[in-house]
N, C-alpha and C. Protein backbone atom coordinates (compact mmCIF):
# COMPACT_ATOMS: atom_id res chain seq x y z
N UNK A 1 18.98 -14.23 14.93
CA UNK A 1 20.44 -14.12 14.42
C UNK A 1 21.25 -14.76 15.74
N UNK A 2 21.86 -15.62 15.41
CA UNK A 2 22.74 -16.38 16.68
C UNK A 2 24.12 -16.57 16.44
N UNK A 3 25.33 -15.97 16.95
CA UNK A 3 26.61 -16.36 16.79
C UNK A 3 26.98 -17.71 17.80
N UNK A 4 28.39 -17.89 17.36
CA UNK A 4 28.87 -18.80 18.81
C UNK A 4 28.81 -18.23 19.96
N UNK A 5 28.29 -16.75 20.16
CA UNK A 5 28.64 -16.63 21.60
C UNK A 5 27.16 -16.59 22.36
N UNK A 6 26.14 -16.87 21.50
CA UNK A 6 24.72 -17.27 21.81
C UNK A 6 23.90 -15.96 21.10
N UNK A 7 22.62 -15.88 21.40
CA UNK A 7 21.73 -14.70 21.18
C UNK A 7 21.36 -14.04 22.30
N UNK A 8 21.94 -12.29 21.65
CA UNK A 8 21.63 -11.20 22.59
C UNK A 8 22.81 -10.91 23.13
N UNK A 9 24.05 -11.38 23.08
CA UNK A 9 25.57 -10.84 23.02
C UNK A 9 25.72 -9.73 22.11
N UNK A 10 26.63 -9.04 22.73
CA UNK A 10 26.85 -7.15 21.47
C UNK A 10 27.46 -8.18 20.60
N UNK A 11 28.30 -8.92 20.40
CA UNK A 11 28.61 -9.32 18.99
C UNK A 11 27.21 -9.75 18.11
N UNK A 12 26.50 -10.81 18.44
CA UNK A 12 25.34 -10.89 17.94
C UNK A 12 23.99 -9.67 17.39
N UNK A 13 24.31 -8.87 18.19
CA UNK A 13 23.33 -7.56 18.27
C UNK A 13 24.09 -6.68 17.04
N UNK A 14 25.39 -6.68 16.99
CA UNK A 14 26.06 -5.99 15.88
C UNK A 14 26.29 -6.52 14.49
N UNK A 15 25.95 -7.71 14.68
CA UNK A 15 25.56 -8.81 13.59
C UNK A 15 24.47 -8.69 12.85
N UNK A 16 23.76 -8.65 13.76
CA UNK A 16 22.00 -8.00 13.30
C UNK A 16 22.15 -6.94 12.94
N UNK A 17 22.54 -6.05 13.39
CA UNK A 17 22.34 -4.57 12.55
C UNK A 17 22.83 -4.53 11.65
N UNK A 18 24.28 -4.91 11.40
CA UNK A 18 24.90 -4.86 9.96
C UNK A 18 24.59 -5.58 9.14
N UNK A 19 23.66 -6.55 8.95
CA UNK A 19 22.95 -7.19 8.27
C UNK A 19 21.25 -6.21 7.96
N UNK A 20 21.00 -5.84 8.77
CA UNK A 20 19.70 -4.71 8.59
C UNK A 20 20.29 -3.86 8.00
N UNK A 21 21.16 -3.00 8.15
CA UNK A 21 21.91 -2.13 7.45
C UNK A 21 21.94 -1.90 5.91
N UNK A 22 22.98 -3.42 6.07
CA UNK A 22 23.08 -3.67 4.62
C UNK A 22 21.42 -4.19 3.92
N UNK A 23 20.85 -5.07 4.26
CA UNK A 23 19.38 -5.17 3.54
C UNK A 23 18.85 -3.67 3.36
N UNK A 24 18.84 -2.47 3.80
CA UNK A 24 18.09 -1.58 3.84
C UNK A 24 19.09 -0.83 2.51
N UNK A 25 20.18 -0.80 2.75
CA UNK A 25 20.91 0.12 2.14
C UNK A 25 20.81 -0.45 0.25
N UNK A 26 20.44 -1.65 0.14
CA UNK A 26 20.65 -2.76 -1.25
C UNK A 26 19.17 -1.99 -1.55
N UNK A 27 18.18 -1.86 -0.53
CA UNK A 27 16.87 -1.07 -1.35
C UNK A 27 17.25 0.18 -1.32
N UNK A 28 17.81 0.83 -0.39
CA UNK A 28 17.77 2.43 -0.40
C UNK A 28 18.14 3.00 -1.89
N UNK A 29 17.59 3.79 -2.49
CA UNK A 29 17.88 4.70 -3.87
C UNK A 29 18.68 5.78 -3.36
N UNK A 30 18.80 6.45 -2.10
CA UNK A 30 19.63 7.27 -1.40
C UNK A 30 20.87 6.93 -0.45
N UNK A 31 21.31 7.67 -0.42
CA UNK A 31 22.79 7.60 0.31
C UNK A 31 22.75 6.40 1.20
N UNK A 32 23.76 5.47 1.61
CA UNK A 32 23.58 4.54 2.75
C UNK A 32 22.93 5.06 4.05
N UNK A 33 21.84 4.10 4.63
CA UNK A 33 21.54 4.84 6.21
C UNK A 33 22.62 5.07 7.32
N UNK A 34 23.72 4.28 6.89
CA UNK A 34 24.75 4.71 8.11
C UNK A 34 25.63 4.90 7.53
N UNK A 35 25.97 6.04 6.41
CA UNK A 35 26.59 6.93 5.98
C UNK A 35 26.23 8.03 6.58
N UNK A 36 27.43 8.43 7.66
CA UNK A 36 27.65 10.20 8.27
C UNK A 36 28.09 11.58 7.36
N UNK A 37 27.00 12.11 7.52
CA UNK A 37 27.70 13.06 6.55
C UNK A 37 27.82 14.09 7.89
N UNK A 38 29.35 14.36 7.53
CA UNK A 38 30.02 15.59 8.59
C UNK A 38 29.91 17.05 8.36
N UNK A 39 29.34 16.97 7.28
CA UNK A 39 29.25 18.47 6.31
C UNK A 39 27.93 19.35 7.28
N UNK A 40 28.31 20.52 7.92
CA UNK A 40 27.39 21.57 8.67
C UNK A 40 25.95 21.81 7.96
N UNK A 41 25.14 22.04 8.62
CA UNK A 41 23.77 21.96 8.11
C UNK A 41 23.88 23.24 6.79
N UNK A 42 24.52 24.27 8.40
CA UNK A 42 24.53 25.73 7.21
C UNK A 42 25.90 26.35 7.37
N UNK A 43 26.31 26.68 6.10
CA UNK A 43 27.70 27.71 6.66
C UNK A 43 27.62 28.78 7.26
N UNK A 44 28.91 29.41 7.77
CA UNK A 44 28.48 30.45 8.70
C UNK A 44 27.76 31.98 7.95
N UNK A 45 27.86 32.08 6.76
CA UNK A 45 26.95 33.13 5.99
C UNK A 45 25.40 33.11 5.57
N UNK A 46 25.02 31.61 5.47
CA UNK A 46 24.07 31.31 5.70
C UNK A 46 23.13 31.34 6.55
N UNK A 47 24.01 30.69 7.66
CA UNK A 47 23.68 30.71 9.45
C UNK A 47 23.36 32.19 9.67
N UNK A 48 24.36 33.33 9.55
CA UNK A 48 23.97 34.57 10.56
C UNK A 48 22.85 35.21 9.34
N UNK A 49 22.81 34.85 8.32
CA UNK A 49 21.61 35.33 7.43
C UNK A 49 20.48 34.68 8.18
N UNK A 50 20.19 34.21 8.26
CA UNK A 50 18.99 32.96 8.71
C UNK A 50 18.48 33.82 10.29
N UNK A 51 19.94 33.62 11.09
CA UNK A 51 19.33 34.44 12.30
C UNK A 51 19.23 35.43 12.29
N UNK A 52 19.97 36.70 11.49
CA UNK A 52 19.50 38.07 10.70
C UNK A 52 17.89 37.92 10.61
N UNK A 53 17.39 37.35 9.54
CA UNK A 53 15.71 37.09 8.82
C UNK A 53 15.10 36.68 10.15
N UNK A 54 14.97 35.82 11.13
CA UNK A 54 14.94 35.38 12.44
C UNK A 54 14.34 36.35 13.58
N UNK A 55 15.88 37.23 13.81
CA UNK A 55 15.63 38.66 14.91
C UNK A 55 14.63 39.77 13.86
N UNK A 56 14.73 39.84 12.66
CA UNK A 56 13.93 40.55 11.79
C UNK A 56 12.37 40.27 12.32
N UNK A 57 12.22 39.28 12.05
CA UNK A 57 10.56 38.69 12.17
C UNK A 57 10.47 38.89 13.60
N UNK A 58 11.35 38.00 14.38
CA UNK A 58 10.49 38.47 15.94
C UNK A 58 11.06 39.66 16.42
N UNK A 59 11.00 40.74 15.70
CA UNK A 59 10.73 42.15 16.40
C UNK A 59 9.59 42.67 15.42
N UNK A 60 9.63 42.21 14.66
CA UNK A 60 8.56 42.86 13.64
C UNK A 60 7.15 41.95 14.37
N UNK A 61 7.20 40.81 14.61
CA UNK A 61 6.13 40.26 15.61
C UNK A 61 5.66 40.71 16.99
N UNK A 62 6.55 41.10 17.75
CA UNK A 62 6.48 42.13 18.93
C UNK A 62 5.66 43.19 18.30
N UNK A 63 6.38 43.69 17.64
CA UNK A 63 5.73 45.03 17.20
C UNK A 63 4.46 44.77 16.79
N UNK A 64 4.05 44.32 15.86
CA UNK A 64 2.55 43.82 15.76
C UNK A 64 1.88 43.14 16.43
N UNK A 65 2.24 42.86 17.43
CA UNK A 65 1.43 42.70 18.92
C UNK A 65 1.50 43.85 19.67
N UNK A 66 2.09 44.84 19.58
CA UNK A 66 2.02 45.79 20.59
C UNK A 66 0.69 46.79 19.99
N UNK A 67 0.70 46.86 18.48
CA UNK A 67 -0.04 47.35 17.85
C UNK A 67 -1.35 46.90 17.94
N UNK A 68 -2.04 45.83 18.02
CA UNK A 68 -2.95 45.10 18.09
C UNK A 68 -3.23 45.15 19.74
N UNK A 69 -2.31 45.02 20.70
CA UNK A 69 -2.96 45.60 22.27
C UNK A 69 -3.31 47.34 22.18
N UNK A 70 -2.98 47.98 21.53
CA UNK A 70 -2.86 49.31 21.26
C UNK A 70 -4.40 49.53 20.94
N UNK A 71 -4.42 48.88 19.29
CA UNK A 71 -5.74 48.66 19.27
C UNK A 71 -6.80 48.48 19.77
N UNK A 72 -6.46 47.25 20.47
CA UNK A 72 -7.57 46.82 21.46
C UNK A 72 -8.29 47.60 22.39
N UNK A 73 -6.96 47.88 23.20
CA UNK A 73 -7.65 48.76 24.32
C UNK A 73 -7.85 50.22 23.22
N UNK A 74 -7.91 50.97 22.64
CA UNK A 74 -8.85 51.97 22.06
C UNK A 74 -9.94 51.37 21.70
N UNK A 75 -10.28 50.77 20.95
CA UNK A 75 -11.61 49.78 20.39
C UNK A 75 -12.37 49.63 22.42
N UNK A 76 -11.74 48.79 22.75
CA UNK A 76 -12.36 48.96 24.30
C UNK A 76 -12.96 50.26 24.79
N UNK A 77 -11.84 51.18 24.66
CA UNK A 77 -12.26 52.32 25.17
C UNK A 77 -13.46 53.24 24.54
N UNK A 78 -13.38 52.72 23.49
CA UNK A 78 -14.51 53.31 22.61
C UNK A 78 -16.02 52.41 23.29
N UNK A 79 -15.92 51.46 23.18
CA UNK A 79 -17.03 50.71 23.05
C UNK A 79 -17.74 50.98 24.39
N UNK A 80 -16.87 51.06 25.85
CA UNK A 80 -17.32 51.48 27.37
C UNK A 80 -17.52 53.30 27.40
N UNK A 81 -17.77 53.59 26.61
CA UNK A 81 -17.75 55.26 26.46
C UNK A 81 -19.52 55.42 26.04
């Protein structure tokens, strides 16, 4: 699409983006693609709960790795006897 300024100018590029966005919004059944959602993904409480859960899982994972290492060492000791 060309404007009076010619192809490739900032004005024509913005015009192209506006046309594409407008066409996409007409076809979209959800919110417009150029609409900005400024709400946080998680609020402070859910974020804190999620971080706590992740931390607990990481600790549990490390404990399981440690147990696996100990059991592997004991098994190797038994095999090598």
